[in-house]
Amino acid sequence: MSAKKTAAKLEIVEPLGQRVLLRKDEDRKRTKAGIHLPDKIEIPTITGRVVAVSSQIERDEDWPIAQYDKVLFNPKHAVPVDFEGDNRLFVVPVEDIVAVFRRDE
């Protein structure tokens, strides 16, 4: 009797409307001056990497946001996605993305 391998299907989160899916950067445990903070104190981080962009945003030239961009966002309307153990995925309205980090080339 041969064992049949079944491939696990990956779950995909696709943002709809004018939204993006992003992975929030980890909160910092150390200040810029190098002071290590206690475990209960963290500097809140509101930056992250774009994981997916809705098809509506992809087609809209007014929103120059692409997958893998590093962005600064307002977390007020961010919806957490209970998809991973560390729960750093969020669906964010594109209006709440206030800046995209770009390299000067």
PDB file of N, CA and C in Angstrom:
ATOM      1  N   MET A   1       0.843  -1.171   0.000  1.00  0.00           N
ATOM      2  CA  MET A   1       0.000   0.000   0.000  1.00  0.00           C
ATOM      3  C   MET A   1       0.892   1.239   0.000  1.00  0.00           C
ATOM      4  N   SER A   2       0.734   2.079  -0.963  1.00  0.00           N
ATOM      5  CA  SER A   2       1.583   3.273  -1.054  1.00  0.00           C
ATOM      6  C   SER A   2       0.916   4.457  -0.366  1.00  0.00           C
ATOM      7  N   ALA A   3       1.762   5.209   0.294  1.00  0.00           N
ATOM      8  CA  ALA A   3       1.250   6.401   0.984  1.00  0.00           C
ATOM      9  C   ALA A   3       1.117   7.527  -0.030  1.00  0.00           C
ATOM     10  N   LYS A   4      -0.004   8.123  -0.061  1.00  0.00           N
ATOM     11  CA  LYS A   4      -0.249   9.208  -0.996  1.00  0.00           C
ATOM     12  C   LYS A   4      -0.030  10.531  -0.274  1.00  0.00           C
ATOM     13  N   LYS A   5       0.831  11.367  -0.839  1.00  0.00           N
ATOM     14  CA  LYS A   5       1.085  12.667  -0.236  1.00  0.00           C
ATOM     15  C   LYS A   5       0.017  13.655  -0.693  1.00  0.00           C
ATOM     16  N   THR A   6      -0.523  14.357   0.267  1.00  0.00           N
ATOM     17  CA  THR A   6      -1.482  15.400  -0.075  1.00  0.00           C
ATOM     18  C   THR A   6      -0.867  16.743   0.269  1.00  0.00           C
ATOM     19  N   ALA A   7      -0.845  17.591  -0.704  1.00  0.00           N
ATOM     20  CA  ALA A   7      -0.272  18.920  -0.492  1.00  0.00           C
ATOM     21  C   ALA A   7      -1.267  19.777   0.284  1.00  0.00           C
ATOM     22  N   ALA A   8      -0.766  20.426   1.315  1.00  0.00           N
ATOM     23  CA  ALA A   8      -1.625  21.316   2.085  1.00  0.00           C
ATOM     24  C   ALA A   8      -1.929  22.557   1.244  1.00  0.00           C
ATOM     25  N   LYS A   9      -3.200  22.898   1.201  1.00  0.00           N
ATOM     26  CA  LYS A   9      -3.587  24.084   0.440  1.00  0.00           C
ATOM     27  C   LYS A   9      -3.275  25.316   1.266  1.00  0.00           C
ATOM     28  N   LEU A  10      -2.680  26.297   0.612  1.00  0.00           N
ATOM     29  CA  LEU A  10      -2.355  27.552   1.280  1.00  0.00           C
ATOM     30  C   LEU A  10      -3.572  28.446   1.300  1.00  0.00           C
ATOM     31  N   GLU A  11      -3.783  29.085   2.427  1.00  0.00           N
ATOM     32  CA  GLU A  11      -4.848  30.068   2.515  1.00  0.00           C
ATOM     33  C   GLU A  11      -4.307  31.402   2.034  1.00  0.00           C
ATOM     34  N   ILE A  12      -5.087  32.089   1.262  1.00  0.00           N
ATOM     35  CA  ILE A  12      -4.670  33.379   0.726  1.00  0.00           C
ATOM     36  C   ILE A  12      -5.645  34.432   1.224  1.00  0.00           C
ATOM     37  N   VAL A  13      -5.105  35.548   1.661  1.00  0.00           N
ATOM     38  CA  VAL A  13      -5.933  36.674   2.073  1.00  0.00           C
ATOM     39  C   VAL A  13      -5.810  37.728   0.991  1.00  0.00           C
ATOM     40  N   GLU A  14      -6.920  38.031   0.342  1.00  0.00           N
ATOM     41  CA  GLU A  14      -6.911  39.034  -0.724  1.00  0.00           C
ATOM     42  C   GLU A  14      -7.749  40.228  -0.279  1.00  0.00           C
ATOM     43  N   PRO A  15      -7.116  41.393  -0.130  1.00  0.00           N
ATOM     44  CA  PRO A  15      -7.891  42.571   0.265  1.00  0.00           C
ATOM     45  C   PRO A  15      -8.840  42.992  -0.862  1.00  0.00           C
ATOM     46  N   LEU A  16      -9.986  43.516  -0.477  1.00  0.00           N
ATOM     47  CA  LEU A  16     -10.988  43.961  -1.442  1.00  0.00           C
ATOM     48  C   LEU A  16     -11.171  45.464  -1.339  1.00  0.00           C
ATOM     49  N   GLY A  17     -11.703  46.062  -2.380  1.00  0.00           N
ATOM     50  CA  GLY A  17     -11.952  47.498  -2.375  1.00  0.00           C
ATOM     51  C   GLY A  17     -10.656  48.276  -2.351  1.00  0.00           C
ATOM     52  N   GLN A  18     -10.658  49.375  -1.636  1.00  0.00           N
ATOM     53  CA  GLN A  18      -9.455  50.205  -1.563  1.00  0.00           C
ATOM     54  C   GLN A  18      -8.682  49.877  -0.293  1.00  0.00           C
ATOM     55  N   ARG A  19      -8.170  48.645  -0.242  1.00  0.00           N
ATOM     56  CA  ARG A  19      -7.449  48.172   0.929  1.00  0.00           C
ATOM     57  C   ARG A  19      -6.190  47.420   0.522  1.00  0.00           C
ATOM     58  N   VAL A  20      -5.252  47.339   1.470  1.00  0.00           N
ATOM     59  CA  VAL A  20      -4.043  46.546   1.286  1.00  0.00           C
ATOM     60  C   VAL A  20      -3.884  45.636   2.502  1.00  0.00           C
ATOM     61  N   LEU A  21      -3.180  44.551   2.292  1.00  0.00           N
ATOM     62  CA  LEU A  21      -2.820  43.640   3.377  1.00  0.00           C
ATOM     63  C   LEU A  21      -1.369  43.905   3.683  1.00  0.00           C
ATOM     64  N   LEU A  22      -1.060  44.147   4.959  1.00  0.00           N
ATOM     65  CA  LEU A  22       0.335  44.385   5.299  1.00  0.00           C
ATOM     66  C   LEU A  22       0.734  43.637   6.550  1.00  0.00           C
ATOM     67  N   ARG A  23       2.030  43.412   6.647  1.00  0.00           N
ATOM     68  CA  ARG A  23       2.616  42.774   7.828  1.00  0.00           C
ATOM     69  C   ARG A  23       3.295  43.876   8.622  1.00  0.00           C
ATOM     70  N   LYS A  24       2.770  44.111   9.813  1.00  0.00           N
ATOM     71  CA  LYS A  24       3.294  45.163  10.677  1.00  0.00           C
ATOM     72  C   LYS A  24       4.688  44.783  11.147  1.00  0.00           C
ATOM     73  N   ASP A  25       5.592  45.763  11.131  1.00  0.00           N
ATOM     74  CA  ASP A  25       6.930  45.526  11.660  1.00  0.00           C
ATOM     75  C   ASP A  25       6.835  45.277  13.163  1.00  0.00           C
ATOM     76  N   GLU A  26       7.800  44.575  13.683  1.00  0.00           N
ATOM     77  CA  GLU A  26       7.803  44.292  15.125  1.00  0.00           C
ATOM     78  C   GLU A  26       8.052  45.570  15.906  1.00  0.00           C
ATOM     79  N   ASP A  27       7.401  45.665  17.062  1.00  0.00           N
ATOM     80  CA  ASP A  27       7.642  46.797  17.938  1.00  0.00           C
ATOM     81  C   ASP A  27       9.067  46.725  18.443  1.00  0.00           C
ATOM     82  N   ARG A  28       9.658  47.893  18.599  1.00  0.00           N
ATOM     83  CA  ARG A  28      11.055  47.940  19.025  1.00  0.00           C
ATOM     84  C   ARG A  28      11.165  47.748  20.530  1.00  0.00           C
ATOM     85  N   LYS A  29      12.201  47.066  20.933  1.00  0.00           N
ATOM     86  CA  LYS A  29      12.485  46.832  22.347  1.00  0.00           C
ATOM     87  C   LYS A  29      13.664  47.677  22.815  1.00  0.00           C
ATOM     88  N   ARG A  30      14.166  48.513  21.919  1.00  0.00           N
ATOM     89  CA  ARG A  30      15.351  49.318  22.218  1.00  0.00           C
ATOM     90  C   ARG A  30      15.155  50.711  21.625  1.00  0.00           C
ATOM     91  N   THR A  31      15.555  51.732  22.361  1.00  0.00           N
ATOM     92  CA  THR A  31      15.442  53.096  21.855  1.00  0.00           C
ATOM     93  C   THR A  31      16.551  53.367  20.846  1.00  0.00           C
ATOM     94  N   LYS A  32      16.451  54.491  20.135  1.00  0.00           N
ATOM     95  CA  LYS A  32      17.496  54.850  19.171  1.00  0.00           C
ATOM     96  C   LYS A  32      18.838  55.048  19.864  1.00  0.00           C
ATOM     97  N   ALA A  33      18.802  55.472  21.118  1.00  0.00           N
ATOM     98  CA  ALA A  33      20.047  55.675  21.866  1.00  0.00           C
ATOM     99  C   ALA A  33      20.634  54.354  22.361  1.00  0.00           C
ATOM    100  N   GLY A  34      19.914  53.245  22.144  1.00  0.00           N
ATOM    101  CA  GLY A  34      20.436  51.936  22.518  1.00  0.00           C
ATOM    102  C   GLY A  34      19.991  51.440  23.878  1.00  0.00           C
ATOM    103  N   ILE A  35      19.060  52.146  24.501  1.00  0.00           N
ATOM    104  CA  ILE A  35      18.576  51.712  25.813  1.00  0.00           C
ATOM    105  C   ILE A  35      17.590  50.576  25.623  1.00  0.00           C
ATOM    106  N   HIS A  36      17.850  49.444  26.277  1.00  0.00           N
ATOM    107  CA  HIS A  36      16.974  48.285  26.193  1.00  0.00           C
ATOM    108  C   HIS A  36      15.776  48.500  27.109  1.00  0.00           C
ATOM    109  N   LEU A  37      14.569  48.340  26.550  1.00  0.00           N
ATOM    110  CA  LEU A  37      13.350  48.562  27.322  1.00  0.00           C
ATOM    111  C   LEU A  37      12.889  47.276  27.995  1.00  0.00           C
ATOM    112  N   PRO A  38      12.248  47.379  29.158  1.00  0.00           N
ATOM    113  CA  PRO A  38      11.682  46.182  29.800  1.00  0.00           C
ATOM    114  C   PRO A  38      10.650  45.537  28.885  1.00  0.00           C
ATOM    115  N   ASP A  39      10.387  44.245  29.104  1.00  0.00           N
ATOM    116  CA  ASP A  39       9.473  43.496  28.240  1.00  0.00           C
ATOM    117  C   ASP A  39       8.078  44.100  28.156  1.00  0.00           C
ATOM    118  N   LYS A  40       7.619  44.739  29.215  1.00  0.00           N
ATOM    119  CA  LYS A  40       6.260  45.281  29.221  1.00  0.00           C
ATOM    120  C   LYS A  40       6.159  46.613  28.494  1.00  0.00           C
ATOM    121  N   ILE A  41       7.282  47.231  28.166  1.00  0.00           N
ATOM    122  CA  ILE A  41       7.279  48.523  27.476  1.00  0.00           C
ATOM    123  C   ILE A  41       7.835  48.330  26.070  1.00  0.00           C
ATOM    124  N   GLU A  42       7.084  48.816  25.093  1.00  0.00           N
ATOM    125  CA  GLU A  42       7.533  48.745  23.707  1.00  0.00           C
ATOM    126  C   GLU A  42       7.277  50.082  23.045  1.00  0.00           C
ATOM    127  N   ILE A  43       8.083  50.417  22.055  1.00  0.00           N
ATOM    128  CA  ILE A  43       7.835  51.603  21.247  1.00  0.00           C
ATOM    129  C   ILE A  43       6.903  51.151  20.120  1.00  0.00           C
ATOM    130  N   PRO A  44       5.676  51.678  20.086  1.00  0.00           N
ATOM    131  CA  PRO A  44       4.752  51.212  19.045  1.00  0.00           C
ATOM    132  C   PRO A  44       5.275  51.553  17.656  1.00  0.00           C
ATOM    133  N   THR A  45       5.183  50.587  16.782  1.00  0.00           N
ATOM    134  CA  THR A  45       5.647  50.760  15.413  1.00  0.00           C
ATOM    135  C   THR A  45       4.439  50.795  14.496  1.00  0.00           C
ATOM    136  N   ILE A  46       4.399  51.759  13.638  1.00  0.00           N
ATOM    137  CA  ILE A  46       3.293  51.836  12.689  1.00  0.00           C
ATOM    138  C   ILE A  46       3.831  51.775  11.266  1.00  0.00           C
ATOM    139  N   THR A  47       4.859  50.958  11.098  1.00  0.00           N
ATOM    140  CA  THR A  47       5.384  50.691   9.761  1.00  0.00           C
ATOM    141  C   THR A  47       5.173  49.219   9.463  1.00  0.00           C
ATOM    142  N   GLY A  48       5.177  48.901   8.193  1.00  0.00           N
ATOM    143  CA  GLY A  48       5.011  47.514   7.800  1.00  0.00           C
ATOM    144  C   GLY A  48       5.333  47.336   6.326  1.00  0.00           C
ATOM    145  N   ARG A  49       5.260  46.092   5.891  1.00  0.00           N
ATOM    146  CA  ARG A  49       5.499  45.734   4.484  1.00  0.00           C
ATOM    147  C   ARG A  49       4.193  45.295   3.856  1.00  0.00           C
ATOM    148  N   VAL A  50       3.951  45.748   2.647  1.00  0.00           N
ATOM    149  CA  VAL A  50       2.747  45.382   1.920  1.00  0.00           C
ATOM    150  C   VAL A  50       2.879  43.930   1.469  1.00  0.00           C
ATOM    151  N   VAL A  51       1.903  43.128   1.831  1.00  0.00           N
ATOM    152  CA  VAL A  51       1.870  41.718   1.444  1.00  0.00           C
ATOM    153  C   VAL A  51       1.048  41.557   0.166  1.00  0.00           C
ATOM    154  N   ALA A  52      -0.084  42.251   0.106  1.00  0.00           N
ATOM    155  CA  ALA A  52      -0.961  42.164  -1.062  1.00  0.00           C
ATOM    156  C   ALA A  52      -1.712  43.479  -1.225  1.00  0.00           C
ATOM    157  N   VAL A  53      -2.019  43.785  -2.473  1.00  0.00           N
ATOM    158  CA  VAL A  53      -2.757  44.998  -2.816  1.00  0.00           C
ATOM    159  C   VAL A  53      -4.024  44.560  -3.537  1.00  0.00           C
ATOM    160  N   SER A  54      -5.146  45.185  -3.225  1.00  0.00           N
ATOM    161  CA  SER A  54      -6.383  44.826  -3.922  1.00  0.00           C
ATOM    162  C   SER A  54      -6.256  45.153  -5.405  1.00  0.00           C
ATOM    163  N   SER A  55      -7.021  44.466  -6.228  1.00  0.00           N
ATOM    164  CA  SER A  55      -6.950  44.704  -7.671  1.00  0.00           C
ATOM    165  C   SER A  55      -7.394  46.124  -8.013  1.00  0.00           C
ATOM    166  N   GLN A  56      -8.282  46.700  -7.226  1.00  0.00           N
ATOM    167  CA  GLN A  56      -8.725  48.078  -7.458  1.00  0.00           C
ATOM    168  C   GLN A  56      -7.573  49.057  -7.260  1.00  0.00           C
ATOM    169  N   ILE A  57      -6.746  48.856  -6.245  1.00  0.00           N
ATOM    170  CA  ILE A  57      -5.599  49.736  -5.988  1.00  0.00           C
ATOM    171  C   ILE A  57      -4.509  49.510  -7.027  1.00  0.00           C
ATOM    172  N   GLU A  58      -4.324  48.256  -7.459  1.00  0.00           N
ATOM    173  CA  GLU A  58      -3.313  47.955  -8.487  1.00  0.00           C
ATOM    174  C   GLU A  58      -3.553  48.742  -9.769  1.00  0.00           C
ATOM    175  N   ARG A  59      -4.805  48.938 -10.112  1.00  0.00           N
ATOM    176  CA  ARG A  59      -5.155  49.636 -11.361  1.00  0.00           C
ATOM    177  C   ARG A  59      -5.208  51.149 -11.207  1.00  0.00           C
ATOM    178  N   ASP A  60      -5.182  51.653  -9.977  1.00  0.00           N
ATOM    179  CA  ASP A  60      -5.347  53.083  -9.727  1.00  0.00           C
ATOM    180  C   ASP A  60      -3.990  53.771  -9.633  1.00  0.00           C
ATOM    181  N   GLU A  61      -3.699  54.647 -10.591  1.00  0.00           N
ATOM    182  CA  GLU A  61      -2.404  55.340 -10.630  1.00  0.00           C
ATOM    183  C   GLU A  61      -2.254  56.361  -9.506  1.00  0.00           C
ATOM    184  N   ASP A  62      -3.352  56.735  -8.855  1.00  0.00           N
ATOM    185  CA  ASP A  62      -3.289  57.684  -7.744  1.00  0.00           C
ATOM    186  C   ASP A  62      -2.684  57.070  -6.484  1.00  0.00           C
ATOM    187  N   TRP A  63      -2.595  55.752  -6.446  1.00  0.00           N
ATOM    188  CA  TRP A  63      -2.037  55.057  -5.287  1.00  0.00           C
ATOM    189  C   TRP A  63      -0.816  54.258  -5.727  1.00  0.00           C
ATOM    190  N   PRO A  64       0.377  54.839  -5.673  1.00  0.00           N
ATOM    191  CA  PRO A  64       1.599  54.139  -6.114  1.00  0.00           C
ATOM    192  C   PRO A  64       2.121  53.178  -5.044  1.00  0.00           C
ATOM    193  N   ILE A  65       1.310  52.195  -4.718  1.00  0.00           N
ATOM    194  CA  ILE A  65       1.666  51.232  -3.676  1.00  0.00           C
ATOM    195  C   ILE A  65       1.742  49.856  -4.322  1.00  0.00           C
ATOM    196  N   ALA A  66       2.825  49.139  -4.022  1.00  0.00           N
ATOM    197  CA  ALA A  66       3.019  47.817  -4.605  1.00  0.00           C
ATOM    198  C   ALA A  66       3.410  46.819  -3.524  1.00  0.00           C
ATOM    199  N   GLN A  67       3.288  45.556  -3.863  1.00  0.00           N
ATOM    200  CA  GLN A  67       3.690  44.492  -2.949  1.00  0.00           C
ATOM    201  C   GLN A  67       5.149  44.697  -2.547  1.00  0.00           C
ATOM    202  N   TYR A  68       5.462  44.444  -1.300  1.00  0.00           N
ATOM    203  CA  TYR A  68       6.793  44.544  -0.679  1.00  0.00           C
ATOM    204  C   TYR A  68       7.209  45.972  -0.319  1.00  0.00           C
ATOM    205  N   ASP A  69       6.400  46.983  -0.645  1.00  0.00           N
ATOM    206  CA  ASP A  69       6.732  48.345  -0.235  1.00  0.00           C
ATOM    207  C   ASP A  69       6.717  48.440   1.285  1.00  0.00           C
ATOM    208  N   LYS A  70       7.640  49.243   1.824  1.00  0.00           N
ATOM    209  CA  LYS A  70       7.604  49.562   3.247  1.00  0.00           C
ATOM    210  C   LYS A  70       6.771  50.822   3.380  1.00  0.00           C
ATOM    211  N   VAL A  71       5.791  50.800   4.295  1.00  0.00           N
ATOM    212  CA  VAL A  71       4.870  51.920   4.426  1.00  0.00           C
ATOM    213  C   VAL A  71       4.731  52.360   5.877  1.00  0.00           C
ATOM    214  N   LEU A  72       4.311  53.592   6.031  1.00  0.00           N
ATOM    215  CA  LEU A  72       3.935  54.156   7.319  1.00  0.00           C
ATOM    216  C   LEU A  72       2.417  54.245   7.283  1.00  0.00           C
ATOM    217  N   PHE A  73       1.745  53.723   8.336  1.00  0.00           N
ATOM    218  CA  PHE A  73       0.289  53.713   8.293  1.00  0.00           C
ATOM    219  C   PHE A  73      -0.314  54.128   9.630  1.00  0.00           C
ATOM    220  N   ASN A  74      -1.536  54.621   9.552  1.00  0.00           N
ATOM    221  CA  ASN A  74      -2.317  54.963  10.725  1.00  0.00           C
ATOM    222  C   ASN A  74      -3.080  53.694  11.126  1.00  0.00           C
ATOM    223  N   PRO A  75      -2.827  53.148  12.320  1.00  0.00           N
ATOM    224  CA  PRO A  75      -3.427  51.871  12.698  1.00  0.00           C
ATOM    225  C   PRO A  75      -4.881  51.964  13.172  1.00  0.00           C
ATOM    226  N   LYS A  76      -5.458  53.157  13.164  1.00  0.00           N
ATOM    227  CA  LYS A  76      -6.800  53.352  13.723  1.00  0.00           C
ATOM    228  C   LYS A  76      -7.844  52.434  13.090  1.00  0.00           C
ATOM    229  N   HIS A  77      -7.811  52.268  11.772  1.00  0.00           N
ATOM    230  CA  HIS A  77      -8.818  51.464  11.076  1.00  0.00           C
ATOM    231  C   HIS A  77      -8.274  50.116  10.603  1.00  0.00           C
ATOM    232  N   ALA A  78      -7.081  49.757  11.051  1.00  0.00           N
ATOM    233  CA  ALA A  78      -6.485  48.479  10.635  1.00  0.00           C
ATOM    234  C   ALA A  78      -7.271  47.319  11.245  1.00  0.00           C
ATOM    235  N   VAL A  79      -7.556  46.332  10.430  1.00  0.00           N
ATOM    236  CA  VAL A  79      -8.295  45.153  10.882  1.00  0.00           C
ATOM    237  C   VAL A  79      -7.309  43.987  10.984  1.00  0.00           C
ATOM    238  N   PRO A  80      -7.119  43.441  12.199  1.00  0.00           N
ATOM    239  CA  PRO A  80      -6.182  42.320  12.325  1.00  0.00           C
ATOM    240  C   PRO A  80      -6.717  41.074  11.632  1.00  0.00           C
ATOM    241  N   VAL A  81      -5.812  40.332  11.035  1.00  0.00           N
ATOM    242  CA  VAL A  81      -6.166  39.084  10.356  1.00  0.00           C
ATOM    243  C   VAL A  81      -5.616  37.949  11.202  1.00  0.00           C
ATOM    244  N   ASP A  82      -6.498  37.154  11.776  1.00  0.00           N
ATOM    245  CA  ASP A  82      -6.086  36.044  12.631  1.00  0.00           C
ATOM    246  C   ASP A  82      -5.680  34.882  11.729  1.00  0.00           C
ATOM    247  N   PHE A  83      -4.467  34.977  11.197  1.00  0.00           N
ATOM    248  CA  PHE A  83      -4.010  34.055  10.163  1.00  0.00           C
ATOM    249  C   PHE A  83      -2.723  33.367  10.575  1.00  0.00           C
ATOM    250  N   GLU A  84      -1.950  34.022  11.423  1.00  0.00           N
ATOM    251  CA  GLU A  84      -0.669  33.497  11.870  1.00  0.00           C
ATOM    252  C   GLU A  84      -0.610  33.558  13.391  1.00  0.00           C
ATOM    253  N   GLY A  85       0.301  32.821  13.961  1.00  0.00           N
ATOM    254  CA  GLY A  85       0.455  32.825  15.402  1.00  0.00           C
ATOM    255  C   GLY A  85       0.850  34.164  15.968  1.00  0.00           C
ATOM    256  N   ASP A  86       1.724  34.894  15.268  1.00  0.00           N
ATOM    257  CA  ASP A  86       2.186  36.180  15.798  1.00  0.00           C
ATOM    258  C   ASP A  86       1.216  37.325  15.486  1.00  0.00           C
ATOM    259  N   ASN A  87       0.223  37.069  14.630  1.00  0.00           N
ATOM    260  CA  ASN A  87      -0.856  38.012  14.332  1.00  0.00           C
ATOM    261  C   ASN A  87      -0.363  39.416  13.999  1.00  0.00           C
ATOM    262  N   ARG A  88       0.520  39.521  13.022  1.00  0.00           N
ATOM    263  CA  ARG A  88       1.025  40.819  12.583  1.00  0.00           C
ATOM    264  C   ARG A  88       0.466  41.216  11.228  1.00  0.00           C
ATOM    265  N   LEU A  89      -0.513  40.460  10.719  1.00  0.00           N
ATOM    266  CA  LEU A  89      -1.135  40.809   9.442  1.00  0.00           C
ATOM    267  C   LEU A  89      -2.355  41.691   9.680  1.00  0.00           C
ATOM    268  N   PHE A  90      -2.481  42.741   8.861  1.00  0.00           N
ATOM    269  CA  PHE A  90      -3.605  43.662   8.992  1.00  0.00           C
ATOM    270  C   PHE A  90      -4.111  44.053   7.617  1.00  0.00           C
ATOM    271  N   VAL A  91      -5.429  44.204   7.496  1.00  0.00           N
ATOM    272  CA  VAL A  91      -6.029  44.794   6.306  1.00  0.00           C
ATOM    273  C   VAL A  91      -6.239  46.263   6.644  1.00  0.00           C
ATOM    274  N   VAL A  92      -5.686  47.135   5.792  1.00  0.00           N
ATOM    275  CA  VAL A  92      -5.676  48.569   6.076  1.00  0.00           C
ATOM    276  C   VAL A  92      -6.287  49.313   4.891  1.00  0.00           C
ATOM    277  N   PRO A  93      -7.213  50.246   5.161  1.00  0.00           N
ATOM    278  CA  PRO A  93      -7.706  51.084   4.062  1.00  0.00           C
ATOM    279  C   PRO A  93      -6.549  51.891   3.478  1.00  0.00           C
ATOM    280  N   VAL A  94      -6.536  52.027   2.181  1.00  0.00           N
ATOM    281  CA  VAL A  94      -5.415  52.699   1.520  1.00  0.00           C
ATOM    282  C   VAL A  94      -5.292  54.152   1.986  1.00  0.00           C
ATOM    283  N   GLU A  95      -6.381  54.764   2.414  1.00  0.00           N
ATOM    284  CA  GLU A  95      -6.316  56.142   2.907  1.00  0.00           C
ATOM    285  C   GLU A  95      -5.485  56.239   4.186  1.00  0.00           C
ATOM    286  N   ASP A  96      -5.349  55.133   4.904  1.00  0.00           N
ATOM    287  CA  ASP A  96      -4.587  55.135   6.154  1.00  0.00           C
ATOM    288  C   ASP A  96      -3.096  54.907   5.937  1.00  0.00           C
ATOM    289  N   ILE A  97      -2.689  54.677   4.699  1.00  0.00           N
ATOM    290  CA  ILE A  97      -1.262  54.602   4.405  1.00  0.00           C
ATOM    291  C   ILE A  97      -0.818  56.041   4.122  1.00  0.00           C
ATOM    292  N   VAL A  98       0.028  56.545   4.988  1.00  0.00           N
ATOM    293  CA  VAL A  98       0.371  57.966   4.900  1.00  0.00           C
ATOM    294  C   VAL A  98       1.712  58.218   4.211  1.00  0.00           C
ATOM    295  N   ALA A  99       2.539  57.175   4.054  1.00  0.00           N
ATOM    296  CA  ALA A  99       3.827  57.348   3.378  1.00  0.00           C
ATOM    297  C   ALA A  99       4.350  56.011   2.889  1.00  0.00           C
ATOM    298  N   VAL A 100       5.088  56.066   1.794  1.00  0.00           N
ATOM    299  CA  VAL A 100       5.772  54.893   1.258  1.00  0.00           C
ATOM    300  C   VAL A 100       7.257  55.233   1.286  1.00  0.00           C
ATOM    301  N   PHE A 101       8.059  54.330   1.838  1.00  0.00           N
ATOM    302  CA  PHE A 101       9.509  54.546   1.908  1.00  0.00           C
ATOM    303  C   PHE A 101      10.117  54.142   0.561  1.00  0.00           C
ATOM    304  N   ARG A 102      10.875  55.040  -0.041  1.00  0.00           N
ATOM    305  CA  ARG A 102      11.523  54.781  -1.322  1.00  0.00           C
ATOM    306  C   ARG A 102      13.008  55.081  -1.201  1.00  0.00           C
ATOM    307  N   ARG A 103      13.822  54.381  -1.957  1.00  0.00           N
ATOM    308  CA  ARG A 103      15.247  54.676  -2.026  1.00  0.00           C
ATOM    309  C   ARG A 103      15.484  55.706  -3.108  1.00  0.00           C
ATOM    310  N   ASP A 104      16.336  56.677  -2.825  1.00  0.00           N
ATOM    311  CA  ASP A 104      16.675  57.693  -3.811  1.00  0.00           C
ATOM    312  C   ASP A 104      17.712  57.097  -4.762  1.00  0.00           C
ATOM    313  N   GLU A 105      17.334  56.898  -6.016  1.00  0.00           N
ATOM    314  CA  GLU A 105      18.244  56.274  -6.977  1.00  0.00           C
ATOM    315  C   GLU A 105      18.725  57.228  -8.005  1.00  0.00           C
TER     316      GLU A 105
END
